[in-house]
Amino acid sequence: LLPPQQLLPALHGASPCPGPPEGPPAVQSPQEESAPPVFATVPSLQVFVIDDNAVNRVVLQRLVAHHLAADVHCFEDGLSALQEIRTSPHLSHCGDSRSDRCTAEAVVLTDIHMEPMSGLELTEALRETFGASALPIIAVTADTTAAHC
């Protein structure tokens, strides 16, 4: 599992743009809150956030949108996300080729525990569609039980 402080660098590393700036992000004063994102902008980066908890979706959406200047698409379950991701025009060049060389400018953040399709089942379905490494998928969870950490 990825510690929270490593989420943004991992997301940024999944995008096809230069790495994050050296050192920790600059601390912004309240008057600088509307400043540009900390990391480089990837104009066509698409982030798909899937979580059945509305609060978690909002937190992830705001975090990603602020720091990555990406287009964020939110879904409350794996099935609806799967349909949208499979038909996304941003991933159309990856679709039926099933090529690991597909370089989608997209990343998926998915909760692990959801109904009717879990994040793990969603990952399997996306791997079937896009190949093993074409679409970065990051599992997120608010579950703190030892069995899942």
C-alpha atoms as a PDB file:
ATOM      1  CA  LEU A   1       0.000   0.000   0.000  1.00  0.00           C
ATOM      2  CA  LEU A   2       1.088   3.513  -0.790  1.00  0.00           C
ATOM      3  CA  PRO A   3       1.405   5.969   2.117  1.00  0.00           C
ATOM      4  CA  PRO A   4      -0.680   9.141   1.608  1.00  0.00           C
ATOM      5  CA  GLN A   5       2.383  11.386   1.236  1.00  0.00           C
ATOM      6  CA  GLN A   6       3.476   9.305  -1.782  1.00  0.00           C
ATOM      7  CA  LEU A   7       0.125   9.443  -3.648  1.00  0.00           C
ATOM      8  CA  LEU A   8       0.781  12.595  -5.676  1.00  0.00           C
ATOM      9  CA  PRO A   9       4.331  11.624  -6.689  1.00  0.00           C
ATOM     10  CA  ALA A  10       2.996   8.196  -7.746  1.00  0.00           C
ATOM     11  CA  LEU A  11       0.224   9.798  -9.782  1.00  0.00           C
ATOM     12  CA  HIS A  12       2.661  12.185 -11.347  1.00  0.00           C
ATOM     13  CA  GLY A  13       5.038   9.329 -12.140  1.00  0.00           C
ATOM     14  CA  ALA A  14       2.194   7.533 -13.919  1.00  0.00           C
ATOM     15  CA  SER A  15       1.720  10.447 -16.304  1.00  0.00           C
ATOM     16  CA  PRO A  16       3.893  10.924 -19.385  1.00  0.00           C
ATOM     17  CA  CYS A  17       5.394  14.205 -18.191  1.00  0.00           C
ATOM     18  CA  PRO A  18       8.586  15.231 -16.380  1.00  0.00           C
ATOM     19  CA  GLY A  19       8.967  14.252 -12.741  1.00  0.00           C
ATOM     20  CA  PRO A  20       7.873  16.313  -9.770  1.00  0.00           C
ATOM     21  CA  PRO A  21      10.111  19.160  -8.655  1.00  0.00           C
ATOM     22  CA  GLU A  22      13.025  18.245  -6.444  1.00  0.00           C
ATOM     23  CA  GLY A  23      12.349  18.378  -2.729  1.00  0.00           C
ATOM     24  CA  PRO A  24       9.016  18.782  -0.972  1.00  0.00           C
ATOM     25  CA  PRO A  25       6.259  20.889  -2.544  1.00  0.00           C
ATOM     26  CA  ALA A  26       6.327  24.545  -1.567  1.00  0.00           C
ATOM     27  CA  VAL A  27       4.023  25.500   1.287  1.00  0.00           C
ATOM     28  CA  GLN A  28       1.457  28.004   0.094  1.00  0.00           C
ATOM     29  CA  SER A  29       0.175  30.892   2.111  1.00  0.00           C
ATOM     30  CA  PRO A  30      -3.615  31.451   2.165  1.00  0.00           C
ATOM     31  CA  GLN A  31      -3.340  34.201  -0.444  1.00  0.00           C
ATOM     32  CA  GLU A  32      -1.510  31.807  -2.809  1.00  0.00           C
ATOM     33  CA  GLU A  33      -4.229  29.138  -2.771  1.00  0.00           C
ATOM     34  CA  SER A  34      -5.242  29.921  -6.331  1.00  0.00           C
ATOM     35  CA  ALA A  35      -1.656  29.483  -7.554  1.00  0.00           C
ATOM     36  CA  PRO A  36      -0.958  26.988 -10.343  1.00  0.00           C
ATOM     37  CA  PRO A  37      -0.617  23.300  -9.439  1.00  0.00           C
ATOM     38  CA  VAL A  38       2.602  22.129  -7.798  1.00  0.00           C
ATOM     39  CA  PHE A  39       3.388  19.572 -10.514  1.00  0.00           C
ATOM     40  CA  ALA A  40       3.669  20.076 -14.258  1.00  0.00           C
ATOM     41  CA  THR A  41       0.458  20.323 -16.228  1.00  0.00           C
ATOM     42  CA  VAL A  42      -0.416  17.507 -18.594  1.00  0.00           C
ATOM     43  CA  PRO A  43      -3.196  19.035 -20.714  1.00  0.00           C
ATOM     44  CA  SER A  44      -4.762  15.744 -21.711  1.00  0.00           C
ATOM     45  CA  LEU A  45      -4.233  13.757 -18.486  1.00  0.00           C
ATOM     46  CA  GLN A  46      -7.446  12.012 -17.474  1.00  0.00           C
ATOM     47  CA  VAL A  47      -7.866  10.742 -13.914  1.00  0.00           C
ATOM     48  CA  PHE A  48     -10.703   8.323 -13.200  1.00  0.00           C
ATOM     49  CA  VAL A  49     -11.696   8.296  -9.516  1.00  0.00           C
ATOM     50  CA  ILE A  50     -13.898   5.382  -8.442  1.00  0.00           C
ATOM     51  CA  ASP A  51     -15.146   5.196  -4.859  1.00  0.00           C
ATOM     52  CA  ASP A  52     -18.528   4.341  -3.379  1.00  0.00           C
ATOM     53  CA  ASN A  53     -18.007   6.898  -0.611  1.00  0.00           C
ATOM     54  CA  ALA A  54     -18.952  10.422  -1.731  1.00  0.00           C
ATOM     55  CA  VAL A  55     -16.585  12.117   0.722  1.00  0.00           C
ATOM     56  CA  ASN A  56     -13.627  10.054  -0.501  1.00  0.00           C
ATOM     57  CA  ARG A  57     -14.499  10.899  -4.127  1.00  0.00           C
ATOM     58  CA  VAL A  58     -14.558  14.622  -3.373  1.00  0.00           C
ATOM     59  CA  VAL A  59     -11.260  14.496  -1.469  1.00  0.00           C
ATOM     60  CA  LEU A  60      -9.506  12.598  -4.269  1.00  0.00           C
ATOM     61  CA  GLN A  61     -11.047  14.775  -6.960  1.00  0.00           C
ATOM     62  CA  ARG A  62      -9.930  18.022  -5.299  1.00  0.00           C
ATOM     63  CA  LEU A  63      -6.475  16.689  -4.489  1.00  0.00           C
ATOM     64  CA  VAL A  64      -5.836  15.499  -8.022  1.00  0.00           C
ATOM     65  CA  ALA A  65      -7.417  18.498  -9.747  1.00  0.00           C
ATOM     66  CA  HIS A  66      -5.412  20.953  -7.640  1.00  0.00           C
ATOM     67  CA  HIS A  67      -2.011  19.303  -7.925  1.00  0.00           C
ATOM     68  CA  LEU A  68      -2.121  17.779 -11.389  1.00  0.00           C
ATOM     69  CA  ALA A  69      -4.389  20.103 -13.367  1.00  0.00           C
ATOM     70  CA  ALA A  70      -5.957  16.990 -14.860  1.00  0.00           C
ATOM     71  CA  ASP A  71      -9.490  16.271 -15.993  1.00  0.00           C
ATOM     72  CA  VAL A  72     -11.040  14.228 -13.180  1.00  0.00           C
ATOM     73  CA  HIS A  73     -13.939  11.864 -13.832  1.00  0.00           C
ATOM     74  CA  CYS A  74     -15.715  10.460 -10.748  1.00  0.00           C
ATOM     75  CA  PHE A  75     -17.791   7.286 -10.427  1.00  0.00           C
ATOM     76  CA  GLU A  76     -19.496   5.686  -7.444  1.00  0.00           C
ATOM     77  CA  ASP A  77     -19.110   2.075  -8.564  1.00  0.00           C
ATOM     78  CA  GLY A  78     -16.863  -0.139 -10.646  1.00  0.00           C
ATOM     79  CA  LEU A  79     -19.472  -1.099 -13.252  1.00  0.00           C
ATOM     80  CA  SER A  80     -20.318   2.449 -14.308  1.00  0.00           C
ATOM     81  CA  ALA A  81     -16.624   3.358 -14.330  1.00  0.00           C
ATOM     82  CA  LEU A  82     -15.752   0.334 -16.455  1.00  0.00           C
ATOM     83  CA  GLN A  83     -18.302   1.298 -19.123  1.00  0.00           C
ATOM     84  CA  GLU A  84     -17.084   4.893 -19.270  1.00  0.00           C
ATOM     85  CA  ILE A  85     -13.378   4.056 -19.234  1.00  0.00           C
ATOM     86  CA  ARG A  86     -13.766   1.436 -21.981  1.00  0.00           C
ATOM     87  CA  THR A  87     -15.519   3.983 -24.213  1.00  0.00           C
ATOM     88  CA  SER A  88     -13.413   7.006 -23.274  1.00  0.00           C
ATOM     89  CA  PRO A  89     -12.201   8.891 -26.355  1.00  0.00           C
ATOM     90  CA  HIS A  90      -8.940   9.509 -24.486  1.00  0.00           C
ATOM     91  CA  LEU A  91      -8.246   5.778 -24.506  1.00  0.00           C
ATOM     92  CA  SER A  92      -9.693   4.894 -27.916  1.00  0.00           C
ATOM     93  CA  HIS A  93      -6.220   4.305 -29.364  1.00  0.00           C
ATOM     94  CA  CYS A  94      -5.626   1.654 -26.692  1.00  0.00           C
ATOM     95  CA  GLY A  95      -8.916  -0.252 -27.002  1.00  0.00           C
ATOM     96  CA  ASP A  96      -8.774  -3.415 -29.060  1.00  0.00           C
ATOM     97  CA  SER A  97      -5.013  -3.475 -29.635  1.00  0.00           C
ATOM     98  CA  ARG A  98      -4.378  -4.925 -26.144  1.00  0.00           C
ATOM     99  CA  SER A  99      -0.847  -3.699 -26.577  1.00  0.00           C
ATOM    100  CA  ASP A 100       1.374  -3.001 -23.589  1.00  0.00           C
ATOM    101  CA  ARG A 101       2.904  -0.229 -25.717  1.00  0.00           C
ATOM    102  CA  CYS A 102      -0.240   1.860 -25.456  1.00  0.00           C
ATOM    103  CA  THR A 103       0.707   5.038 -23.616  1.00  0.00           C
ATOM    104  CA  ALA A 104      -2.592   6.312 -22.315  1.00  0.00           C
ATOM    105  CA  GLU A 105      -2.491   9.719 -20.708  1.00  0.00           C
ATOM    106  CA  ALA A 106      -4.805   8.446 -18.003  1.00  0.00           C
ATOM    107  CA  VAL A 107      -4.696   6.916 -14.565  1.00  0.00           C
ATOM    108  CA  VAL A 108      -7.318   5.127 -12.475  1.00  0.00           C
ATOM    109  CA  LEU A 109      -7.723   5.610  -8.712  1.00  0.00           C
ATOM    110  CA  THR A 110     -10.100   2.965  -7.425  1.00  0.00           C
ATOM    111  CA  ASP A 111     -11.443   1.991  -4.040  1.00  0.00           C
ATOM    112  CA  ILE A 112     -10.895  -1.687  -3.256  1.00  0.00           C
ATOM    113  CA  HIS A 113     -14.187  -2.467  -1.503  1.00  0.00           C
ATOM    114  CA  MET A 114     -17.250  -1.592  -3.597  1.00  0.00           C
ATOM    115  CA  GLU A 115     -20.438  -3.243  -4.803  1.00  0.00           C
ATOM    116  CA  PRO A 116     -21.469  -4.563  -7.263  1.00  0.00           C
ATOM    117  CA  MET A 117     -17.914  -4.607  -8.710  1.00  0.00           C
ATOM    118  CA  SER A 118     -14.879  -4.298  -6.420  1.00  0.00           C
ATOM    119  CA  GLY A 119     -11.765  -2.374  -7.324  1.00  0.00           C
ATOM    120  CA  LEU A 120      -9.927  -5.654  -7.818  1.00  0.00           C
ATOM    121  CA  GLU A 121     -12.588  -6.891 -10.248  1.00  0.00           C
ATOM    122  CA  LEU A 122     -12.454  -3.543 -12.039  1.00  0.00           C
ATOM    123  CA  THR A 123      -8.683  -3.861 -12.341  1.00  0.00           C
ATOM    124  CA  GLU A 124      -9.015  -7.354 -13.861  1.00  0.00           C
ATOM    125  CA  ALA A 125     -11.576  -6.094 -16.397  1.00  0.00           C
ATOM    126  CA  LEU A 126      -9.429  -3.077 -17.337  1.00  0.00           C
ATOM    127  CA  ARG A 127      -6.339  -5.284 -17.728  1.00  0.00           C
ATOM    128  CA  GLU A 128      -8.359  -7.538 -20.025  1.00  0.00           C
ATOM    129  CA  THR A 129      -9.329  -4.522 -22.139  1.00  0.00           C
ATOM    130  CA  PHE A 130      -6.144  -2.447 -22.166  1.00  0.00           C
ATOM    131  CA  GLY A 131      -3.341  -4.885 -21.381  1.00  0.00           C
ATOM    132  CA  ALA A 132      -1.110  -5.392 -18.392  1.00  0.00           C
ATOM    133  CA  SER A 133       0.639  -2.037 -18.188  1.00  0.00           C
ATOM    134  CA  ALA A 134      -1.074   0.373 -20.563  1.00  0.00           C
ATOM    135  CA  LEU A 135      -3.302   2.030 -17.978  1.00  0.00           C
ATOM    136  CA  PRO A 136      -1.882   2.790 -14.509  1.00  0.00           C
ATOM    137  CA  ILE A 137      -4.282   1.704 -11.767  1.00  0.00           C
ATOM    138  CA  ILE A 138      -3.791   2.769  -8.149  1.00  0.00           C
ATOM    139  CA  ALA A 139      -5.867   1.113  -5.439  1.00  0.00           C
ATOM    140  CA  VAL A 140      -7.038   3.374  -2.625  1.00  0.00           C
ATOM    141  CA  THR A 141      -8.939   2.465   0.487  1.00  0.00           C
ATOM    142  CA  ALA A 142     -10.078   3.946   3.769  1.00  0.00           C
ATOM    143  CA  ASP A 143     -10.017   0.459   5.282  1.00  0.00           C
ATOM    144  CA  THR A 144      -7.658   0.361   8.243  1.00  0.00           C
ATOM    145  CA  THR A 145      -8.030  -3.280   9.249  1.00  0.00           C
ATOM    146  CA  ALA A 146      -4.785  -5.221   9.451  1.00  0.00           C
ATOM    147  CA  ALA A 147      -6.004  -7.756   6.883  1.00  0.00           C
ATOM    148  CA  HIS A 148      -5.999  -5.111   4.138  1.00  0.00           C
ATOM    149  CA  CYS A 149      -2.894  -3.094   5.070  1.00  0.00           C
END
